[in-house]
Amino acid sequence: MRNACANNQFSAAGGASKKQMLINSRHPLLQSGLALLGMVGCCVFLHSWKDTAHWVYDIPAGLAAFGFIAQTLLEVNETKLDWYWGSRLLLVVGMAVVCTGREYFGWNISGHLSCILAVALVQAADPRLGTTERLLYWIPLPIVLGLRWWLLDHGQHWQTYNAAAFGILSAIPVVILARLSASNWACESKKNGATE
């Protein structure tokens, strides 16, 4: 029964309620607007206009990170807080801590790479997202990684290594909870479809 529920495709679950199919009620225009607003604020704060490399670096990373933050906050607002959503909120807090530590306390870590790697891994594991949307979150990764490795690290790659460690380790619990929750979402979706 559990496997049968897990194999249920979210896109085909016509009878699912809004709470089980949050992907349809998460206000994509509002999410995009908040992502854009966050990215602009980040670019202004970081003075991204100082050179072309920072424009190329900050814009895609900002859109991905703030898109994830907006999605998390909008969906948490419309569902019951559980372990999965709690782990996403903790990841957002962790991302904020890393970026604050990097900016104000000189931590030897890349805030950009930390955030977008964690976000890309978490979004790739979300079974409710379509393939295109999952892939969009991976676009900033080669850009940021390439610029860091060949331009910004100056031959000292510990910021990149530390960021990769944070991104992977912080994403693992969220990814695991997403996969565990997938079967519950599918079973709930199936039950709702059967009762309507």
N, C-alpha and C. Protein backbone atom coordinates (compact mmCIF):
# COMPACT_ATOMS: atom_id res chain seq x y z
N MET A 1 0.83 -1.21 0.00
CA MET A 1 0.00 0.00 0.00
C MET A 1 0.86 1.25 0.00
N ARG A 2 1.93 1.21 0.82
CA ARG A 2 2.81 2.38 0.91
C ARG A 2 3.48 2.66 -0.43
N ASN A 3 3.96 1.58 -1.10
CA ASN A 3 4.61 1.76 -2.40
C ASN A 3 3.63 2.24 -3.45
N ALA A 4 2.42 1.73 -3.37
CA ALA A 4 1.41 2.15 -4.33
C ALA A 4 1.10 3.62 -4.17
N CYS A 5 1.03 4.05 -2.89
CA CYS A 5 0.79 5.47 -2.65
C CYS A 5 1.96 6.31 -3.11
N ALA A 6 3.18 5.83 -2.85
CA ALA A 6 4.37 6.59 -3.21
C ALA A 6 4.49 6.75 -4.71
N ASN A 7 3.96 5.77 -5.47
CA ASN A 7 4.05 5.84 -6.92
C ASN A 7 2.99 6.73 -7.54
N ASN A 8 2.06 7.18 -6.73
CA ASN A 8 1.01 8.06 -7.23
C ASN A 8 1.63 9.37 -7.68
N GLN A 9 1.31 9.81 -8.87
CA GLN A 9 1.90 11.04 -9.40
C GLN A 9 1.08 12.24 -8.96
N PHE A 10 1.76 13.28 -8.44
CA PHE A 10 1.06 14.45 -7.95
C PHE A 10 0.32 15.16 -9.05
N SER A 11 0.88 15.16 -10.23
CA SER A 11 0.24 15.88 -11.32
C SER A 11 -1.06 15.24 -11.75
N ALA A 12 -1.23 13.96 -11.45
CA ALA A 12 -2.43 13.25 -11.87
C ALA A 12 -3.47 13.14 -10.77
N ALA A 13 -3.19 13.69 -9.61
CA ALA A 13 -4.10 13.55 -8.49
C ALA A 13 -5.18 14.61 -8.54
N GLY A 14 -6.21 14.35 -9.30
CA GLY A 14 -7.24 15.36 -9.54
C GLY A 14 -8.04 15.71 -8.32
N GLY A 15 -8.19 14.78 -7.36
CA GLY A 15 -9.04 15.06 -6.21
C GLY A 15 -8.31 15.61 -5.02
N ALA A 16 -7.06 15.97 -5.16
CA ALA A 16 -6.28 16.41 -4.01
C ALA A 16 -6.75 17.76 -3.52
N SER A 17 -6.69 17.93 -2.21
CA SER A 17 -7.06 19.21 -1.63
C SER A 17 -5.91 20.19 -1.77
N LYS A 18 -6.18 21.45 -1.46
CA LYS A 18 -5.13 22.47 -1.59
C LYS A 18 -3.96 22.20 -0.67
N LYS A 19 -4.23 21.69 0.52
CA LYS A 19 -3.13 21.47 1.45
C LYS A 19 -2.19 20.37 0.97
N GLN A 20 -2.72 19.38 0.26
CA GLN A 20 -1.84 18.34 -0.27
C GLN A 20 -1.19 18.76 -1.57
N MET A 21 -1.79 19.69 -2.26
CA MET A 21 -1.26 20.13 -3.56
C MET A 21 -0.85 21.60 -3.49
N LEU A 22 -0.01 21.90 -2.51
CA LEU A 22 0.40 23.28 -2.28
C LEU A 22 1.07 23.91 -3.49
N ILE A 23 1.63 23.07 -4.34
CA ILE A 23 2.34 23.60 -5.49
C ILE A 23 1.39 24.40 -6.37
N ASN A 24 0.09 24.09 -6.31
CA ASN A 24 -0.89 24.81 -7.11
C ASN A 24 -1.41 26.06 -6.42
N SER A 25 -1.12 26.22 -5.14
CA SER A 25 -1.68 27.35 -4.41
C SER A 25 -0.61 28.20 -3.75
N ARG A 26 0.60 28.15 -4.28
CA ARG A 26 1.68 28.88 -3.62
C ARG A 26 1.94 30.24 -4.24
N HIS A 27 1.04 30.69 -5.08
CA HIS A 27 1.12 32.04 -5.62
C HIS A 27 2.43 32.29 -6.38
N PRO A 28 2.60 31.67 -7.55
CA PRO A 28 3.87 31.79 -8.26
C PRO A 28 4.25 33.23 -8.62
N LEU A 29 3.26 34.07 -8.92
CA LEU A 29 3.59 35.47 -9.23
C LEU A 29 4.12 36.19 -8.00
N LEU A 30 3.49 35.94 -6.86
CA LEU A 30 3.98 36.55 -5.63
C LEU A 30 5.36 36.03 -5.27
N GLN A 31 5.58 34.72 -5.45
CA GLN A 31 6.89 34.14 -5.20
C GLN A 31 7.95 34.78 -6.09
N SER A 32 7.63 34.94 -7.38
CA SER A 32 8.58 35.55 -8.31
C SER A 32 8.86 37.00 -7.94
N GLY A 33 7.81 37.72 -7.54
CA GLY A 33 7.98 39.12 -7.14
C GLY A 33 8.85 39.25 -5.90
N LEU A 34 8.62 38.38 -4.91
CA LEU A 34 9.44 38.42 -3.69
C LEU A 34 10.89 38.03 -3.98
N ALA A 35 11.08 37.05 -4.89
CA ALA A 35 12.44 36.66 -5.27
C ALA A 35 13.16 37.82 -5.94
N LEU A 36 12.47 38.52 -6.82
CA LEU A 36 13.06 39.67 -7.51
C LEU A 36 13.38 40.79 -6.52
N LEU A 37 12.46 41.05 -5.61
CA LEU A 37 12.68 42.08 -4.60
C LEU A 37 13.88 41.74 -3.71
N GLY A 38 13.95 40.47 -3.28
CA GLY A 38 15.09 40.06 -2.46
C GLY A 38 16.40 40.16 -3.20
N MET A 39 16.39 39.76 -4.48
CA MET A 39 17.62 39.83 -5.28
C MET A 39 18.08 41.27 -5.45
N VAL A 40 17.14 42.19 -5.73
CA VAL A 40 17.51 43.61 -5.89
C VAL A 40 18.08 44.15 -4.59
N GLY A 41 17.42 43.84 -3.47
CA GLY A 41 17.92 44.29 -2.17
C GLY A 41 19.31 43.76 -1.88
N CYS A 42 19.54 42.50 -2.21
CA CYS A 42 20.86 41.88 -2.01
C CYS A 42 21.91 42.56 -2.87
N CYS A 43 21.58 42.82 -4.13
CA CYS A 43 22.54 43.46 -5.04
C CYS A 43 22.88 44.88 -4.59
N VAL A 44 21.88 45.60 -4.08
CA VAL A 44 22.13 46.95 -3.59
C VAL A 44 23.03 46.89 -2.35
N PHE A 45 22.72 45.97 -1.43
CA PHE A 45 23.51 45.83 -0.21
C PHE A 45 24.96 45.46 -0.51
N LEU A 46 25.15 44.57 -1.49
CA LEU A 46 26.50 44.09 -1.82
C LEU A 46 27.24 44.97 -2.83
N HIS A 47 26.58 46.07 -3.27
CA HIS A 47 27.17 46.96 -4.28
C HIS A 47 27.58 46.17 -5.53
N SER A 48 26.65 45.41 -6.06
CA SER A 48 26.95 44.52 -7.19
C SER A 48 27.36 45.27 -8.45
N TRP A 49 27.05 46.55 -8.50
CA TRP A 49 27.37 47.32 -9.71
C TRP A 49 28.86 47.63 -9.84
N LYS A 50 29.67 47.26 -8.86
CA LYS A 50 31.08 47.65 -8.90
C LYS A 50 31.86 46.98 -10.03
N ASP A 51 31.42 45.80 -10.48
CA ASP A 51 32.05 45.19 -11.65
C ASP A 51 31.12 44.14 -12.25
N THR A 52 31.41 43.75 -13.48
CA THR A 52 30.56 42.82 -14.21
C THR A 52 30.50 41.46 -13.53
N ALA A 53 31.62 41.02 -12.98
CA ALA A 53 31.66 39.70 -12.34
C ALA A 53 30.64 39.59 -11.22
N HIS A 54 30.50 40.66 -10.44
CA HIS A 54 29.54 40.62 -9.33
C HIS A 54 28.09 40.64 -9.82
N TRP A 55 27.82 41.32 -10.94
CA TRP A 55 26.48 41.26 -11.51
C TRP A 55 26.16 39.81 -11.90
N VAL A 56 27.09 39.20 -12.61
CA VAL A 56 26.88 37.82 -13.09
C VAL A 56 26.77 36.85 -11.91
N TYR A 57 27.47 37.17 -10.84
CA TYR A 57 27.53 36.32 -9.65
C TYR A 57 26.29 36.49 -8.77
N ASP A 58 25.92 37.75 -8.50
CA ASP A 58 24.88 38.04 -7.52
C ASP A 58 23.45 37.83 -8.03
N ILE A 59 23.19 38.15 -9.29
CA ILE A 59 21.81 38.10 -9.78
C ILE A 59 21.25 36.68 -9.80
N PRO A 60 21.88 35.71 -10.47
CA PRO A 60 21.30 34.36 -10.46
C PRO A 60 21.27 33.73 -9.07
N ALA A 61 22.32 33.97 -8.27
CA ALA A 61 22.34 33.41 -6.92
C ALA A 61 21.23 34.01 -6.06
N GLY A 62 21.03 35.32 -6.19
CA GLY A 62 19.97 35.99 -5.43
C GLY A 62 18.59 35.52 -5.82
N LEU A 63 18.35 35.35 -7.11
CA LEU A 63 17.04 34.88 -7.57
C LEU A 63 16.74 33.47 -7.04
N ALA A 64 17.73 32.59 -7.09
CA ALA A 64 17.52 31.21 -6.62
C ALA A 64 17.28 31.18 -5.11
N ALA A 65 18.13 31.87 -4.36
CA ALA A 65 18.02 31.84 -2.90
C ALA A 65 16.72 32.47 -2.42
N PHE A 66 16.41 33.65 -2.95
CA PHE A 66 15.20 34.33 -2.48
C PHE A 66 13.93 33.70 -3.05
N GLY A 67 14.03 33.04 -4.20
CA GLY A 67 12.90 32.27 -4.71
C GLY A 67 12.56 31.12 -3.77
N PHE A 68 13.59 30.44 -3.29
CA PHE A 68 13.40 29.34 -2.33
C PHE A 68 12.82 29.86 -1.02
N ILE A 69 13.37 30.96 -0.52
CA ILE A 69 12.88 31.54 0.73
C ILE A 69 11.41 31.94 0.59
N ALA A 70 11.07 32.60 -0.52
CA ALA A 70 9.68 33.02 -0.75
C ALA A 70 8.75 31.82 -0.82
N GLN A 71 9.15 30.78 -1.56
CA GLN A 71 8.32 29.58 -1.67
C GLN A 71 8.09 28.96 -0.29
N THR A 72 9.15 28.85 0.49
CA THR A 72 9.04 28.24 1.82
C THR A 72 8.08 29.04 2.70
N LEU A 73 8.25 30.34 2.76
CA LEU A 73 7.41 31.17 3.63
C LEU A 73 5.95 31.18 3.17
N LEU A 74 5.73 31.24 1.86
CA LEU A 74 4.36 31.25 1.35
C LEU A 74 3.65 29.92 1.60
N GLU A 75 4.35 28.81 1.42
CA GLU A 75 3.72 27.51 1.61
C GLU A 75 3.54 27.18 3.09
N VAL A 76 4.50 27.56 3.93
CA VAL A 76 4.35 27.33 5.37
C VAL A 76 3.13 28.08 5.89
N ASN A 77 2.86 29.24 5.31
CA ASN A 77 1.71 30.04 5.72
C ASN A 77 0.39 29.34 5.42
N GLU A 78 0.39 28.38 4.50
CA GLU A 78 -0.85 27.75 4.08
C GLU A 78 -0.98 26.29 4.49
N THR A 79 -0.05 25.79 5.26
CA THR A 79 -0.12 24.38 5.66
C THR A 79 0.24 24.23 7.12
N LYS A 80 -0.01 23.04 7.64
CA LYS A 80 0.36 22.74 9.01
C LYS A 80 1.87 22.52 9.07
N LEU A 81 2.50 23.16 10.02
CA LEU A 81 3.95 23.02 10.17
C LEU A 81 4.28 21.61 10.65
N ASP A 82 5.09 20.89 9.86
CA ASP A 82 5.52 19.55 10.24
C ASP A 82 7.04 19.49 10.18
N TRP A 83 7.60 18.28 10.29
CA TRP A 83 9.05 18.14 10.29
C TRP A 83 9.68 18.65 9.00
N TYR A 84 9.01 18.38 7.88
CA TYR A 84 9.58 18.80 6.59
C TYR A 84 9.64 20.32 6.49
N TRP A 85 8.52 20.96 6.77
CA TRP A 85 8.50 22.43 6.65
C TRP A 85 9.36 23.07 7.72
N GLY A 86 9.41 22.44 8.90
CA GLY A 86 10.31 22.95 9.94
C GLY A 86 11.76 22.88 9.51
N SER A 87 12.13 21.79 8.83
CA SER A 87 13.52 21.65 8.36
C SER A 87 13.84 22.68 7.28
N ARG A 88 12.86 23.00 6.43
CA ARG A 88 13.09 24.05 5.42
C ARG A 88 13.29 25.41 6.08
N LEU A 89 12.49 25.69 7.10
CA LEU A 89 12.65 26.96 7.81
C LEU A 89 14.01 27.03 8.51
N LEU A 90 14.44 25.91 9.10
CA LEU A 90 15.77 25.89 9.73
C LEU A 90 16.88 26.08 8.71
N LEU A 91 16.68 25.55 7.51
CA LEU A 91 17.67 25.76 6.45
C LEU A 91 17.76 27.24 6.08
N VAL A 92 16.61 27.91 5.99
CA VAL A 92 16.60 29.35 5.70
C VAL A 92 17.36 30.10 6.79
N VAL A 93 17.13 29.74 8.05
CA VAL A 93 17.85 30.38 9.16
C VAL A 93 19.35 30.11 9.03
N GLY A 94 19.71 28.86 8.71
CA GLY A 94 21.12 28.52 8.54
C GLY A 94 21.77 29.31 7.42
N MET A 95 21.06 29.49 6.31
CA MET A 95 21.57 30.29 5.20
C MET A 95 21.82 31.73 5.64
N ALA A 96 20.88 32.28 6.43
CA ALA A 96 21.03 33.65 6.92
C ALA A 96 22.24 33.77 7.85
N VAL A 97 22.44 32.77 8.69
CA VAL A 97 23.58 32.78 9.63
C VAL A 97 24.90 32.75 8.86
N VAL A 98 24.99 31.88 7.85
CA VAL A 98 26.22 31.78 7.08
C VAL A 98 26.52 33.09 6.36
N CYS A 99 25.51 33.67 5.72
CA CYS A 99 25.73 34.93 4.99
C CYS A 99 26.09 36.06 5.94
N THR A 100 25.48 36.10 7.12
CA THR A 100 25.81 37.12 8.12
C THR A 100 27.23 36.93 8.62
N GLY A 101 27.59 35.68 8.91
CA GLY A 101 28.95 35.40 9.38
C GLY A 101 30.00 35.77 8.35
N ARG A 102 29.70 35.48 7.09
CA ARG A 102 30.64 35.82 6.01
C ARG A 102 30.79 37.33 5.86
N GLU A 103 29.66 38.02 5.91
CA GLU A 103 29.68 39.46 5.64
C GLU A 103 30.24 40.28 6.80
N TYR A 104 29.88 39.92 8.03
CA TYR A 104 30.22 40.76 9.18
C TYR A 104 31.34 40.21 10.05
N PHE A 105 31.58 38.91 9.98
CA PHE A 105 32.58 38.32 10.87
C PHE A 105 33.73 37.65 10.13
N GLY A 106 33.73 37.79 8.80
CA GLY A 106 34.85 37.28 8.01
C GLY A 106 35.00 35.78 7.98
N TRP A 107 33.88 35.04 8.15
CA TRP A 107 33.98 33.58 8.09
C TRP A 107 34.55 33.14 6.74
N ASN A 108 35.33 32.09 6.79
CA ASN A 108 36.00 31.60 5.59
C ASN A 108 35.06 30.66 4.81
N ILE A 109 34.01 31.24 4.25
CA ILE A 109 32.99 30.46 3.54
C ILE A 109 32.30 31.37 2.53
N SER A 110 31.89 30.82 1.43
CA SER A 110 31.13 31.58 0.43
C SER A 110 29.65 31.49 0.75
N GLY A 111 29.04 32.63 1.05
CA GLY A 111 27.60 32.66 1.33
C GLY A 111 26.78 32.30 0.11
N HIS A 112 27.19 32.83 -1.05
CA HIS A 112 26.46 32.55 -2.29
C HIS A 112 26.43 31.05 -2.59
N LEU A 113 27.60 30.44 -2.61
CA LEU A 113 27.69 29.02 -2.97
C LEU A 113 26.99 28.14 -1.93
N SER A 114 27.14 28.49 -0.64
CA SER A 114 26.47 27.73 0.42
C SER A 114 24.97 27.67 0.17
N CYS A 115 24.39 28.83 -0.10
CA CYS A 115 22.94 28.93 -0.25
C CYS A 115 22.44 28.23 -1.51
N ILE A 116 23.06 28.52 -2.65
CA ILE A 116 22.49 27.97 -3.89
C ILE A 116 22.70 26.46 -4.02
N LEU A 117 23.77 25.93 -3.43
CA LEU A 117 23.96 24.48 -3.47
C LEU A 117 22.91 23.79 -2.60
N ALA A 118 22.69 24.32 -1.40
CA ALA A 118 21.66 23.74 -0.52
C ALA A 118 20.28 23.83 -1.17
N VAL A 119 19.98 24.99 -1.74
CA VAL A 119 18.67 25.19 -2.38
C VAL A 119 18.48 24.24 -3.56
N ALA A 120 19.49 24.11 -4.41
CA ALA A 120 19.38 23.24 -5.58
C ALA A 120 19.13 21.80 -5.17
N LEU A 121 19.83 21.32 -4.14
CA LEU A 121 19.66 19.95 -3.68
C LEU A 121 18.27 19.72 -3.09
N VAL A 122 17.81 20.68 -2.29
CA VAL A 122 16.49 20.55 -1.66
C VAL A 122 15.38 20.59 -2.71
N GLN A 123 15.48 21.51 -3.65
CA GLN A 123 14.43 21.63 -4.66
C GLN A 123 14.42 20.43 -5.61
N ALA A 124 15.58 19.85 -5.85
CA ALA A 124 15.64 18.66 -6.70
C ALA A 124 14.92 17.49 -6.06
N ALA A 125 14.85 17.48 -4.72
CA ALA A 125 14.21 16.37 -4.00
C ALA A 125 12.72 16.60 -3.76
N ASP A 126 12.22 17.78 -4.11
CA ASP A 126 10.79 18.07 -3.89
C ASP A 126 9.96 17.42 -4.99
N PRO A 127 9.18 16.39 -4.67
CA PRO A 127 8.47 15.64 -5.72
C PRO A 127 7.33 16.43 -6.35
N ARG A 128 6.96 17.55 -5.75
CA ARG A 128 5.85 18.33 -6.28
C ARG A 128 6.27 19.28 -7.40
N LEU A 129 7.57 19.52 -7.53
CA LEU A 129 8.06 20.46 -8.54
C LEU A 129 8.23 19.75 -9.88
N GLY A 130 7.95 20.48 -10.95
CA GLY A 130 8.19 19.95 -12.28
C GLY A 130 9.67 19.95 -12.62
N THR A 131 10.03 19.22 -13.65
CA THR A 131 11.44 19.11 -14.05
C THR A 131 12.03 20.47 -14.40
N THR A 132 11.29 21.28 -15.11
CA THR A 132 11.81 22.60 -15.51
C THR A 132 12.13 23.46 -14.31
N GLU A 133 11.23 23.48 -13.33
CA GLU A 133 11.47 24.31 -12.15
C GLU A 133 12.65 23.79 -11.34
N ARG A 134 12.77 22.47 -11.25
CA ARG A 134 13.92 21.91 -10.54
C ARG A 134 15.23 22.32 -11.22
N LEU A 135 15.25 22.25 -12.53
CA LEU A 135 16.47 22.60 -13.28
C LEU A 135 16.82 24.07 -13.13
N LEU A 136 15.82 24.94 -13.04
CA LEU A 136 16.08 26.38 -12.90
C LEU A 136 16.93 26.68 -11.67
N TYR A 137 16.74 25.91 -10.61
CA TYR A 137 17.50 26.16 -9.38
C TYR A 137 18.96 25.73 -9.51
N TRP A 138 19.28 24.95 -10.54
CA TRP A 138 20.67 24.52 -10.75
C TRP A 138 21.45 25.48 -11.65
N ILE A 139 20.76 26.38 -12.35
CA ILE A 139 21.44 27.29 -13.28
C ILE A 139 22.52 28.14 -12.60
N PRO A 140 22.26 28.71 -11.41
CA PRO A 140 23.31 29.56 -10.80
C PRO A 140 24.55 28.80 -10.35
N LEU A 141 24.42 27.50 -10.12
CA LEU A 141 25.53 26.75 -9.50
C LEU A 141 26.82 26.77 -10.33
N PRO A 142 26.80 26.41 -11.63
CA PRO A 142 28.05 26.47 -12.39
C PRO A 142 28.59 27.89 -12.54
N ILE A 143 27.69 28.88 -12.58
CA ILE A 143 28.12 30.28 -12.70
C ILE A 143 28.90 30.69 -11.45
N VAL A 144 28.28 30.48 -10.29
CA VAL A 144 28.92 30.88 -9.03
C VAL A 144 30.17 30.05 -8.76
N LEU A 145 30.09 28.76 -8.99
CA LEU A 145 31.25 27.90 -8.74
C LEU A 145 32.41 28.26 -9.66
N GLY A 146 32.12 28.51 -10.93
CA GLY A 146 33.16 28.88 -11.88
C GLY A 146 33.83 30.20 -11.51
N LEU A 147 33.02 31.21 -11.19
CA LEU A 147 33.58 32.52 -10.82
C LEU A 147 34.38 32.43 -9.52
N ARG A 148 33.88 31.66 -8.57
CA ARG A 148 34.60 31.51 -7.31
C ARG A 148 35.96 30.84 -7.55
N TRP A 149 35.93 29.73 -8.29
CA TRP A 149 37.14 28.92 -8.43
C TRP A 149 38.24 29.65 -9.20
N TRP A 150 37.85 30.31 -10.29
CA TRP A 150 38.88 30.90 -11.16
C TRP A 150 39.11 32.39 -10.95
N LEU A 151 38.22 33.06 -10.22
CA LEU A 151 38.38 34.51 -10.11
C LEU A 151 38.42 35.00 -8.66
N LEU A 152 37.48 34.56 -7.84
CA LEU A 152 37.32 35.15 -6.51
C LEU A 152 38.12 34.45 -5.42
N ASP A 153 38.45 33.18 -5.59
CA ASP A 153 39.19 32.45 -4.55
C ASP A 153 40.66 32.82 -4.50
N HIS A 154 41.20 33.35 -5.58
CA HIS A 154 42.62 33.72 -5.66
C HIS A 154 43.52 32.55 -5.26
N GLY A 155 43.16 31.37 -5.74
CA GLY A 155 43.99 30.20 -5.46
C GLY A 155 43.78 29.58 -4.09
N GLN A 156 43.02 30.25 -3.22
CA GLN A 156 42.72 29.72 -1.89
C GLN A 156 41.27 29.24 -1.90
N HIS A 157 41.09 27.93 -2.00
CA HIS A 157 39.75 27.39 -2.25
C HIS A 157 39.00 26.95 -1.00
N TRP A 158 39.47 27.31 0.18
CA TRP A 158 38.79 26.84 1.39
C TRP A 158 37.39 27.42 1.52
N GLN A 159 37.18 28.65 1.04
CA GLN A 159 35.82 29.20 1.07
C GLN A 159 34.87 28.32 0.25
N THR A 160 35.35 27.85 -0.89
CA THR A 160 34.54 26.99 -1.75
C THR A 160 34.30 25.63 -1.10
N TYR A 161 35.35 25.04 -0.52
CA TYR A 161 35.21 23.74 0.14
C TYR A 161 34.23 23.82 1.32
N ASN A 162 34.38 24.87 2.13
CA ASN A 162 33.50 25.04 3.28
C ASN A 162 32.05 25.26 2.85
N ALA A 163 31.87 26.02 1.77
CA ALA A 163 30.53 26.26 1.27
C ALA A 163 29.89 24.97 0.74
N ALA A 164 30.69 24.17 0.04
CA ALA A 164 30.18 22.90 -0.47
C ALA A 164 29.79 21.98 0.69
N ALA A 165 30.60 21.95 1.74
CA ALA A 165 30.29 21.13 2.91
C ALA A 165 28.99 21.59 3.57
N PHE A 166 28.85 22.90 3.75
CA PHE A 166 27.61 23.42 4.36
C PHE A 166 26.41 23.10 3.48
N GLY A 167 26.53 23.37 2.18
CA GLY A 167 25.40 23.15 1.28
C GLY A 167 24.91 21.72 1.29
N ILE A 168 25.85 20.78 1.23
CA ILE A 168 25.48 19.36 1.19
C ILE A 168 24.93 18.89 2.54
N LEU A 169 25.66 19.20 3.62
CA LEU A 169 25.26 18.72 4.94
C LEU A 169 23.94 19.33 5.41
N SER A 170 23.70 20.60 5.09
CA SER A 170 22.45 21.24 5.53
C SER A 170 21.26 20.78 4.70
N ALA A 171 21.52 20.35 3.46
CA ALA A 171 20.42 19.90 2.60
C ALA A 171 20.00 18.46 2.89
N ILE A 172 20.92 17.63 3.38
CA ILE A 172 20.63 16.20 3.56
C ILE A 172 19.38 15.94 4.41
N PRO A 173 19.24 16.54 5.61
CA PRO A 173 18.03 16.24 6.40
C PRO A 173 16.74 16.70 5.71
N VAL A 174 16.80 17.82 5.00
CA VAL A 174 15.60 18.31 4.31
C VAL A 174 15.23 17.37 3.17
N VAL A 175 16.24 16.91 2.44
CA VAL A 175 16.01 15.97 1.33
C VAL A 175 15.41 14.66 1.85
N ILE A 176 15.95 14.14 2.95
CA ILE A 176 15.43 12.90 3.52
C ILE A 176 13.97 13.07 3.94
N LEU A 177 13.68 14.17 4.62
CA LEU A 177 12.30 14.43 5.06
C LEU A 177 11.36 14.63 3.87
N ALA A 178 11.88 15.23 2.79
CA ALA A 178 11.05 15.40 1.58
C ALA A 178 10.68 14.05 1.00
N ARG A 179 11.65 13.13 0.94
CA ARG A 179 11.36 11.81 0.38
C ARG A 179 10.42 11.03 1.29
N LEU A 180 10.57 11.16 2.61
CA LEU A 180 9.66 10.49 3.53
C LEU A 180 8.27 11.07 3.45
N SER A 181 8.19 12.39 3.29
CA SER A 181 6.88 13.05 3.21
C SER A 181 6.18 12.77 1.89
N ALA A 182 6.94 12.44 0.84
CA ALA A 182 6.34 12.22 -0.48
C ALA A 182 5.29 11.13 -0.44
N SER A 183 5.59 10.04 0.26
CA SER A 183 4.62 8.94 0.32
C SER A 183 3.38 9.37 1.08
N ASN A 184 3.55 10.19 2.13
CA ASN A 184 2.39 10.69 2.87
C ASN A 184 1.55 11.62 2.02
N TRP A 185 2.21 12.53 1.27
CA TRP A 185 1.47 13.44 0.39
C TRP A 185 0.68 12.65 -0.64
N ALA A 186 1.34 11.62 -1.21
CA ALA A 186 0.68 10.83 -2.26
C ALA A 186 -0.49 10.04 -1.68
N CYS A 187 -0.32 9.47 -0.49
CA CYS A 187 -1.41 8.71 0.13
C CYS A 187 -2.58 9.61 0.47
N GLU A 188 -2.28 10.80 1.02
CA GLU A 188 -3.34 11.75 1.33
C GLU A 188 -4.07 12.18 0.06
N SER A 189 -3.29 12.41 -0.99
CA SER A 189 -3.87 12.80 -2.27
C SER A 189 -4.79 11.71 -2.79
N LYS A 190 -4.35 10.46 -2.65
CA LYS A 190 -5.15 9.32 -3.14
C LYS A 190 -6.43 9.19 -2.33
N LYS A 191 -6.31 9.35 -1.00
CA LYS A 191 -7.50 9.27 -0.14
C LYS A 191 -8.51 10.34 -0.48
N ASN A 192 -8.02 11.55 -0.67
CA ASN A 192 -8.92 12.66 -1.00
C ASN A 192 -9.60 12.43 -2.33
N GLY A 193 -8.85 11.87 -3.29
CA GLY A 193 -9.44 11.59 -4.60
C GLY A 193 -10.51 10.52 -4.50
N ALA A 194 -10.33 9.56 -3.58
CA ALA A 194 -11.28 8.46 -3.45
C ALA A 194 -12.56 8.88 -2.73
N THR A 195 -12.45 9.88 -1.84
CA THR A 195 -13.60 10.28 -1.06
C THR A 195 -14.45 11.33 -1.74
N GLU A 196 -13.93 11.95 -2.79
CA GLU A 196 -14.70 13.02 -3.46
C GLU A 196 -15.45 12.48 -4.66
